[in-house]
Amino acid sequence: MKRMRQLMISICVLAVTQAATAQTVETDNLENLVFPAFEQSVVKLKTGQSYEATMNYEKTEQQMVVLRNNQLFLFKDHQAVDTIFMGERIFVPAEKGFHELLVNAPVALFIDHKARLENTGSTLAYGSKTSTAGVTHITTIFGQEGAIVLKIPDNFKVVDDSEFLVRIDGQMHQVMNRKQFLKLFPSMKKELESYISKNGTDFKSADDLIDLIGFCNASSR
């Protein structure tokens, strides 16, 4: 069984060069990761097989990262995965990376965890700062030769760009505000307007949207 698990891990993840010595891999409380620490997880494959791994989700590259023997690995083919259970949370493969499933119902709710890195500027004499024209973005945090560098450089900050998605009849729809949401439910518009106004629904709050989607599912029965 142990050998089988090792085989499955080698199939689903791509080993990369260590970012630093084995004893200095930093993984806790990083803003670009969804979880403050790597989570004991269960990976269920589309074949029906499953295995355990210690994992986290990196938001700037939208990649699942596996911590094993104090080394970091990346998934090679996330489309082979059916579901990943990370603690009490559920992730499913998307076109890019994974989406977290927040409500599993006829009207389903997901969050697409993603972020970007912004240059905070270079420190000059007397404590002043400068930055390049516009915002400087980096598209990768992975070092040369494939080494995973999860720690963000000191002169960059993580800006969260996560989005909520609603799935109706198999179709995914991005929801950023009240207007977008109401367009998805023309037959329930009045009821939803009343619910949103009464509850002061914040469309940037996962908890508020979970409650709103729960109301949609209950009302459509």
C-alpha atoms as a PDB file:
ATOM      1  CA  MET A   1       0.000   0.000   0.000  1.00  0.00           C
ATOM      2  CA  LYS A   2       2.799   2.403   0.911  1.00  0.00           C
ATOM      3  CA  ARG A   3       4.569   1.719  -2.393  1.00  0.00           C
ATOM      4  CA  MET A   4       1.312   2.277  -4.263  1.00  0.00           C
ATOM      5  CA  ARG A   5       0.844   5.691  -2.587  1.00  0.00           C
ATOM      6  CA  GLN A   6       4.384   6.697  -3.513  1.00  0.00           C
ATOM      7  CA  LEU A   7       3.712   5.646  -7.107  1.00  0.00           C
ATOM      8  CA  MET A   8       0.505   7.694  -7.284  1.00  0.00           C
ATOM      9  CA  ILE A   9       2.282  10.755  -5.913  1.00  0.00           C
ATOM     10  CA  SER A  10       5.013  10.416  -8.519  1.00  0.00           C
ATOM     11  CA  ILE A  11       2.362  10.256 -11.233  1.00  0.00           C
ATOM     12  CA  CYS A  12       0.373  13.294 -10.071  1.00  0.00           C
ATOM     13  CA  VAL A  13       3.132  15.656  -8.985  1.00  0.00           C
ATOM     14  CA  LEU A  14       6.304  16.911 -10.566  1.00  0.00           C
ATOM     15  CA  ALA A  15       9.360  16.954  -8.306  1.00  0.00           C
ATOM     16  CA  VAL A  16      11.375  20.148  -8.475  1.00  0.00           C
ATOM     17  CA  THR A  17      14.760  21.297  -7.198  1.00  0.00           C
ATOM     18  CA  GLN A  18      14.797  22.377  -3.556  1.00  0.00           C
ATOM     19  CA  ALA A  19      14.596  26.124  -3.069  1.00  0.00           C
ATOM     20  CA  ALA A  20      17.118  25.939  -0.239  1.00  0.00           C
ATOM     21  CA  THR A  21      18.710  23.412   2.061  1.00  0.00           C
ATOM     22  CA  ALA A  22      16.269  20.837   3.352  1.00  0.00           C
ATOM     23  CA  GLN A  23      16.337  22.408   6.806  1.00  0.00           C
ATOM     24  CA  THR A  24      15.427  25.947   5.663  1.00  0.00           C
ATOM     25  CA  VAL A  25      12.256  25.499   3.589  1.00  0.00           C
ATOM     26  CA  GLU A  26       9.847  28.176   4.828  1.00  0.00           C
ATOM     27  CA  THR A  27       6.161  27.304   4.465  1.00  0.00           C
ATOM     28  CA  ASP A  28       4.191  28.844   7.358  1.00  0.00           C
ATOM     29  CA  ASN A  29       2.090  32.026   7.401  1.00  0.00           C
ATOM     30  CA  LEU A  30       2.854  33.096   3.833  1.00  0.00           C
ATOM     31  CA  GLU A  31       0.333  35.528   2.330  1.00  0.00           C
ATOM     32  CA  ASN A  32       0.450  33.878  -1.092  1.00  0.00           C
ATOM     33  CA  LEU A  33      -0.806  30.553   0.327  1.00  0.00           C
ATOM     34  CA  VAL A  34      -4.461  29.810   1.098  1.00  0.00           C
ATOM     35  CA  PHE A  35      -3.701  28.041   4.394  1.00  0.00           C
ATOM     36  CA  PRO A  36      -1.381  29.392   7.111  1.00  0.00           C
ATOM     37  CA  ALA A  37       0.272  25.942   7.273  1.00  0.00           C
ATOM     38  CA  PHE A  38       0.396  22.920   4.976  1.00  0.00           C
ATOM     39  CA  GLU A  39      -2.678  20.714   5.492  1.00  0.00           C
ATOM     40  CA  GLN A  40      -2.981  16.946   5.723  1.00  0.00           C
ATOM     41  CA  SER A  41      -5.074  16.228   2.635  1.00  0.00           C
ATOM     42  CA  VAL A  42      -6.733  13.396   0.740  1.00  0.00           C
ATOM     43  CA  VAL A  43      -6.450  13.397  -3.048  1.00  0.00           C
ATOM     44  CA  LYS A  44      -9.192  11.493  -4.850  1.00  0.00           C
ATOM     45  CA  LEU A  45      -8.400  10.650  -8.482  1.00  0.00           C
ATOM     46  CA  LYS A  46     -10.897  10.229 -11.314  1.00  0.00           C
ATOM     47  CA  THR A  47      -9.939   6.552 -11.391  1.00  0.00           C
ATOM     48  CA  GLY A  48     -11.468   6.191  -7.927  1.00  0.00           C
ATOM     49  CA  GLN A  49      -8.094   5.725  -6.221  1.00  0.00           C
ATOM     50  CA  SER A  50      -6.961   8.094  -3.489  1.00  0.00           C
ATOM     51  CA  TYR A  51      -3.885   8.904  -1.428  1.00  0.00           C
ATOM     52  CA  GLU A  52      -2.832  11.229   1.398  1.00  0.00           C
ATOM     53  CA  ALA A  53      -0.470  14.167   1.062  1.00  0.00           C
ATOM     54  CA  THR A  54       0.507  17.356   2.909  1.00  0.00           C
ATOM     55  CA  MET A  55      -0.569  20.266   0.739  1.00  0.00           C
ATOM     56  CA  ASN A  56      -1.276  23.956   0.293  1.00  0.00           C
ATOM     57  CA  TYR A  57      -2.487  26.151  -2.576  1.00  0.00           C
ATOM     58  CA  GLU A  58      -0.296  28.930  -3.981  1.00  0.00           C
ATOM     59  CA  LYS A  59      -2.385  31.874  -5.243  1.00  0.00           C
ATOM     60  CA  THR A  60      -0.053  33.837  -7.546  1.00  0.00           C
ATOM     61  CA  GLU A  61       0.684  30.819  -9.751  1.00  0.00           C
ATOM     62  CA  GLN A  62      -2.563  28.985  -8.864  1.00  0.00           C
ATOM     63  CA  GLN A  63      -0.741  25.735  -8.216  1.00  0.00           C
ATOM     64  CA  MET A  64      -1.196  22.935  -5.703  1.00  0.00           C
ATOM     65  CA  VAL A  65       2.030  22.467  -3.764  1.00  0.00           C
ATOM     66  CA  VAL A  66       2.930  19.254  -1.922  1.00  0.00           C
ATOM     67  CA  LEU A  67       5.301  19.150   1.060  1.00  0.00           C
ATOM     68  CA  ARG A  68       7.011  15.783   1.384  1.00  0.00           C
ATOM     69  CA  ASN A  69      10.209  14.965   3.271  1.00  0.00           C
ATOM     70  CA  ASN A  70      10.792  18.721   3.622  1.00  0.00           C
ATOM     71  CA  GLN A  71      10.829  19.133  -0.154  1.00  0.00           C
ATOM     72  CA  LEU A  72       8.254  20.871  -2.329  1.00  0.00           C
ATOM     73  CA  PHE A  73       6.497  19.312  -5.311  1.00  0.00           C
ATOM     74  CA  LEU A  74       3.997  20.554  -7.921  1.00  0.00           C
ATOM     75  CA  PHE A  75       1.082  18.711  -9.446  1.00  0.00           C
ATOM     76  CA  LYS A  76       1.926  17.590 -12.961  1.00  0.00           C
ATOM     77  CA  ASP A  77      -1.606  16.912 -14.250  1.00  0.00           C
ATOM     78  CA  HIS A  78      -4.333  18.371 -12.064  1.00  0.00           C
ATOM     79  CA  GLN A  79      -7.002  17.189 -14.500  1.00  0.00           C
ATOM     80  CA  ALA A  80      -6.366  13.622 -13.287  1.00  0.00           C
ATOM     81  CA  VAL A  81      -7.803  14.694  -9.924  1.00  0.00           C
ATOM     82  CA  ASP A  82     -11.488  14.487  -9.038  1.00  0.00           C
ATOM     83  CA  THR A  83     -11.422  16.177  -5.620  1.00  0.00           C
ATOM     84  CA  ILE A  84      -8.892  17.252  -3.003  1.00  0.00           C
ATOM     85  CA  PHE A  85     -10.038  17.316   0.616  1.00  0.00           C
ATOM     86  CA  MET A  86      -7.770  19.737   2.489  1.00  0.00           C
ATOM     87  CA  GLY A  87      -8.740  19.675   6.142  1.00  0.00           C
ATOM     88  CA  GLU A  88     -12.460  20.444   6.104  1.00  0.00           C
ATOM     89  CA  ARG A  89     -12.311  22.260   2.765  1.00  0.00           C
ATOM     90  CA  ILE A  90     -12.829  20.908  -0.762  1.00  0.00           C
ATOM     91  CA  PHE A  91     -10.961  21.791  -3.959  1.00  0.00           C
ATOM     92  CA  VAL A  92     -11.808  20.696  -7.507  1.00  0.00           C
ATOM     93  CA  PRO A  93      -9.750  21.081 -10.699  1.00  0.00           C
ATOM     94  CA  ALA A  94     -10.489  24.060 -12.930  1.00  0.00           C
ATOM     95  CA  GLU A  95      -9.212  25.168 -16.326  1.00  0.00           C
ATOM     96  CA  LYS A  96      -6.310  26.754 -14.455  1.00  0.00           C
ATOM     97  CA  GLY A  97      -5.452  25.505 -11.001  1.00  0.00           C
ATOM     98  CA  PHE A  98      -8.216  24.572  -8.573  1.00  0.00           C
ATOM     99  CA  HIS A  99     -11.416  26.151  -7.294  1.00  0.00           C
ATOM    100  CA  GLU A 100     -12.562  25.787  -3.717  1.00  0.00           C
ATOM    101  CA  LEU A 101     -16.118  24.446  -3.455  1.00  0.00           C
ATOM    102  CA  LEU A 102     -18.103  26.494  -0.925  1.00  0.00           C
ATOM    103  CA  VAL A 103     -21.655  25.270  -1.636  1.00  0.00           C
ATOM    104  CA  ASN A 104     -22.374  21.948  -3.322  1.00  0.00           C
ATOM    105  CA  ALA A 105     -25.986  22.189  -4.545  1.00  0.00           C
ATOM    106  CA  PRO A 106     -27.943  22.743  -7.806  1.00  0.00           C
ATOM    107  CA  VAL A 107     -26.806  26.370  -7.511  1.00  0.00           C
ATOM    108  CA  ALA A 108     -23.173  25.901  -6.463  1.00  0.00           C
ATOM    109  CA  LEU A 109     -20.655  28.429  -5.191  1.00  0.00           C
ATOM    110  CA  PHE A 110     -16.888  28.401  -5.725  1.00  0.00           C
ATOM    111  CA  ILE A 111     -13.974  30.684  -4.988  1.00  0.00           C
ATOM    112  CA  ASP A 112     -11.106  31.032  -7.440  1.00  0.00           C
ATOM    113  CA  HIS A 113      -8.132  31.782  -5.174  1.00  0.00           C
ATOM    114  CA  LYS A 114      -5.645  33.999  -6.972  1.00  0.00           C
ATOM    115  CA  ALA A 115      -3.327  36.907  -6.247  1.00  0.00           C
ATOM    116  CA  ARG A 116      -0.688  39.108  -7.819  1.00  0.00           C
ATOM    117  CA  LEU A 117       2.578  40.540  -6.537  1.00  0.00           C
ATOM    118  CA  GLU A 118       3.116  44.289  -6.546  1.00  0.00           C
ATOM    119  CA  ASN A 119       6.429  46.067  -6.234  1.00  0.00           C
ATOM    120  CA  THR A 120       6.345  48.269  -3.125  1.00  0.00           C
ATOM    121  CA  GLY A 121       9.234  50.415  -4.375  1.00  0.00           C
ATOM    122  CA  SER A 122      12.952  50.666  -3.669  1.00  0.00           C
ATOM    123  CA  THR A 123      14.129  52.385  -0.505  1.00  0.00           C
ATOM    124  CA  LEU A 124      16.327  55.444  -1.083  1.00  0.00           C
ATOM    125  CA  ALA A 125      18.291  57.687   1.253  1.00  0.00           C
ATOM    126  CA  TYR A 126      16.457  59.317   4.180  1.00  0.00           C
ATOM    127  CA  GLY A 127      13.773  56.641   4.109  1.00  0.00           C
ATOM    128  CA  SER A 128      12.055  57.821   0.908  1.00  0.00           C
ATOM    129  CA  LYS A 129      10.813  55.305  -1.644  1.00  0.00           C
ATOM    130  CA  THR A 130      10.473  55.153  -5.386  1.00  0.00           C
ATOM    131  CA  SER A 131       8.739  52.766  -7.750  1.00  0.00           C
ATOM    132  CA  THR A 132       8.655  52.274 -11.488  1.00  0.00           C
ATOM    133  CA  ALA A 133       5.966  53.939 -13.587  1.00  0.00           C
ATOM    134  CA  GLY A 134       2.758  52.039 -12.956  1.00  0.00           C
ATOM    135  CA  VAL A 135       2.606  48.883 -10.915  1.00  0.00           C
ATOM    136  CA  THR A 136       5.285  46.256 -11.458  1.00  0.00           C
ATOM    137  CA  HIS A 137       3.970  42.709 -11.457  1.00  0.00           C
ATOM    138  CA  ILE A 138       5.910  39.486 -11.321  1.00  0.00           C
ATOM    139  CA  THR A 139       4.322  36.548 -13.079  1.00  0.00           C
ATOM    140  CA  THR A 140       6.231  33.840 -11.240  1.00  0.00           C
ATOM    141  CA  ILE A 141       7.618  33.164  -7.804  1.00  0.00           C
ATOM    142  CA  PHE A 142       9.403  30.018  -8.920  1.00  0.00           C
ATOM    143  CA  GLY A 143      13.178  30.308  -9.053  1.00  0.00           C
ATOM    144  CA  GLN A 144      15.620  29.138 -11.676  1.00  0.00           C
ATOM    145  CA  GLU A 145      15.818  25.461 -12.606  1.00  0.00           C
ATOM    146  CA  GLY A 146      12.313  24.866 -11.273  1.00  0.00           C
ATOM    147  CA  ALA A 147      13.032  25.515  -7.597  1.00  0.00           C
ATOM    148  CA  ILE A 148       9.929  26.606  -5.710  1.00  0.00           C
ATOM    149  CA  VAL A 149      10.465  29.825  -3.785  1.00  0.00           C
ATOM    150  CA  LEU A 150       7.306  30.343  -1.741  1.00  0.00           C
ATOM    151  CA  LYS A 151       8.612  33.262   0.316  1.00  0.00           C
ATOM    152  CA  ILE A 152       7.751  36.606  -1.245  1.00  0.00           C
ATOM    153  CA  PRO A 153      10.705  39.041  -1.666  1.00  0.00           C
ATOM    154  CA  ASP A 154      10.736  41.893   0.855  1.00  0.00           C
ATOM    155  CA  ASN A 155      10.074  44.567  -1.791  1.00  0.00           C
ATOM    156  CA  PHE A 156       6.830  42.927  -2.953  1.00  0.00           C
ATOM    157  CA  LYS A 157       3.384  42.603  -1.434  1.00  0.00           C
ATOM    158  CA  VAL A 158       0.624  40.102  -2.151  1.00  0.00           C
ATOM    159  CA  VAL A 159      -2.598  41.594  -3.533  1.00  0.00           C
ATOM    160  CA  ASP A 160      -5.542  39.208  -3.372  1.00  0.00           C
ATOM    161  CA  ASP A 161      -7.569  39.002  -6.601  1.00  0.00           C
ATOM    162  CA  SER A 162      -9.768  36.040  -5.663  1.00  0.00           C
ATOM    163  CA  GLU A 163     -13.140  35.766  -7.408  1.00  0.00           C
ATOM    164  CA  PHE A 164     -16.432  34.079  -6.585  1.00  0.00           C
ATOM    165  CA  LEU A 165     -18.096  31.864  -9.178  1.00  0.00           C
ATOM    166  CA  VAL A 166     -21.668  30.566  -9.299  1.00  0.00           C
ATOM    167  CA  ARG A 167     -22.461  27.370 -11.222  1.00  0.00           C
ATOM    168  CA  ILE A 168     -25.965  27.040 -12.664  1.00  0.00           C
ATOM    169  CA  ASP A 169     -26.919  24.176 -15.008  1.00  0.00           C
ATOM    170  CA  GLY A 170     -23.244  23.318 -15.450  1.00  0.00           C
ATOM    171  CA  GLN A 171     -22.249  26.856 -16.475  1.00  0.00           C
ATOM    172  CA  MET A 172     -19.841  28.966 -14.406  1.00  0.00           C
ATOM    173  CA  HIS A 173     -20.568  32.671 -13.893  1.00  0.00           C
ATOM    174  CA  GLN A 174     -18.334  35.235 -12.242  1.00  0.00           C
ATOM    175  CA  VAL A 175     -20.056  37.247  -9.508  1.00  0.00           C
ATOM    176  CA  MET A 176     -18.480  40.472  -8.308  1.00  0.00           C
ATOM    177  CA  ASN A 177     -21.491  42.566  -7.366  1.00  0.00           C
ATOM    178  CA  ARG A 178     -25.249  42.689  -6.847  1.00  0.00           C
ATOM    179  CA  LYS A 179     -26.049  43.538 -10.478  1.00  0.00           C
ATOM    180  CA  GLN A 180     -24.131  40.541 -11.853  1.00  0.00           C
ATOM    181  CA  PHE A 181     -25.784  38.219  -9.357  1.00  0.00           C
ATOM    182  CA  LEU A 182     -29.350  39.360 -10.051  1.00  0.00           C
ATOM    183  CA  LYS A 183     -28.861  38.817 -13.803  1.00  0.00           C
ATOM    184  CA  LEU A 184     -28.398  35.102 -13.107  1.00  0.00           C
ATOM    185  CA  PHE A 185     -31.834  34.772 -11.493  1.00  0.00           C
ATOM    186  CA  PRO A 186     -34.363  36.858 -13.476  1.00  0.00           C
ATOM    187  CA  SER A 187     -37.345  34.887 -12.138  1.00  0.00           C
ATOM    188  CA  MET A 188     -36.263  35.499  -8.527  1.00  0.00           C
ATOM    189  CA  LYS A 189     -35.142  39.098  -8.897  1.00  0.00           C
ATOM    190  CA  LYS A 190     -37.636  40.654  -6.457  1.00  0.00           C
ATOM    191  CA  GLU A 191     -37.092  38.046  -3.750  1.00  0.00           C
ATOM    192  CA  LEU A 192     -33.334  38.319  -4.087  1.00  0.00           C
ATOM    193  CA  GLU A 193     -33.356  42.125  -4.033  1.00  0.00           C
ATOM    194  CA  SER A 194     -35.366  41.987  -0.819  1.00  0.00           C
ATOM    195  CA  TYR A 195     -33.038  39.382   0.742  1.00  0.00           C
ATOM    196  CA  ILE A 196     -29.874  41.283  -0.232  1.00  0.00           C
ATOM    197  CA  SER A 197     -31.196  44.614   1.089  1.00  0.00           C
ATOM    198  CA  LYS A 198     -32.502  43.106   4.324  1.00  0.00           C
ATOM    199  CA  ASN A 199     -29.264  41.220   5.073  1.00  0.00           C
ATOM    200  CA  GLY A 200     -26.802  43.794   3.710  1.00  0.00           C
ATOM    201  CA  THR A 201     -25.105  41.131   1.605  1.00  0.00           C
ATOM    202  CA  ASP A 202     -21.426  41.869   0.971  1.00  0.00           C
ATOM    203  CA  PHE A 203     -20.393  40.343  -2.361  1.00  0.00           C
ATOM    204  CA  LYS A 204     -16.784  40.166  -1.195  1.00  0.00           C
ATOM    205  CA  SER A 205     -17.696  38.041   1.828  1.00  0.00           C
ATOM    206  CA  ALA A 206     -17.629  34.250   1.445  1.00  0.00           C
ATOM    207  CA  ASP A 207     -19.968  33.825   4.424  1.00  0.00           C
ATOM    208  CA  ASP A 208     -22.528  36.265   3.010  1.00  0.00           C
ATOM    209  CA  LEU A 209     -22.475  34.587  -0.399  1.00  0.00           C
ATOM    210  CA  ILE A 210     -22.800  31.124   1.137  1.00  0.00           C
ATOM    211  CA  ASP A 211     -25.971  32.326   2.905  1.00  0.00           C
ATOM    212  CA  LEU A 212     -27.277  33.959  -0.285  1.00  0.00           C
ATOM    213  CA  ILE A 213     -26.710  30.828  -2.367  1.00  0.00           C
ATOM    214  CA  GLY A 214     -28.416  28.807   0.365  1.00  0.00           C
ATOM    215  CA  PHE A 215     -31.438  31.105   0.032  1.00  0.00           C
ATOM    216  CA  CYS A 216     -31.442  30.600  -3.773  1.00  0.00           C
ATOM    217  CA  ASN A 217     -31.406  26.820  -3.447  1.00  0.00           C
ATOM    218  CA  ALA A 218     -34.138  26.799  -0.783  1.00  0.00           C
ATOM    219  CA  SER A 219     -36.356  29.142  -2.826  1.00  0.00           C
ATOM    220  CA  SER A 220     -36.028  27.147  -6.049  1.00  0.00           C
ATOM    221  CA  ARG A 221     -37.221  23.840  -4.557  1.00  0.00           C
END
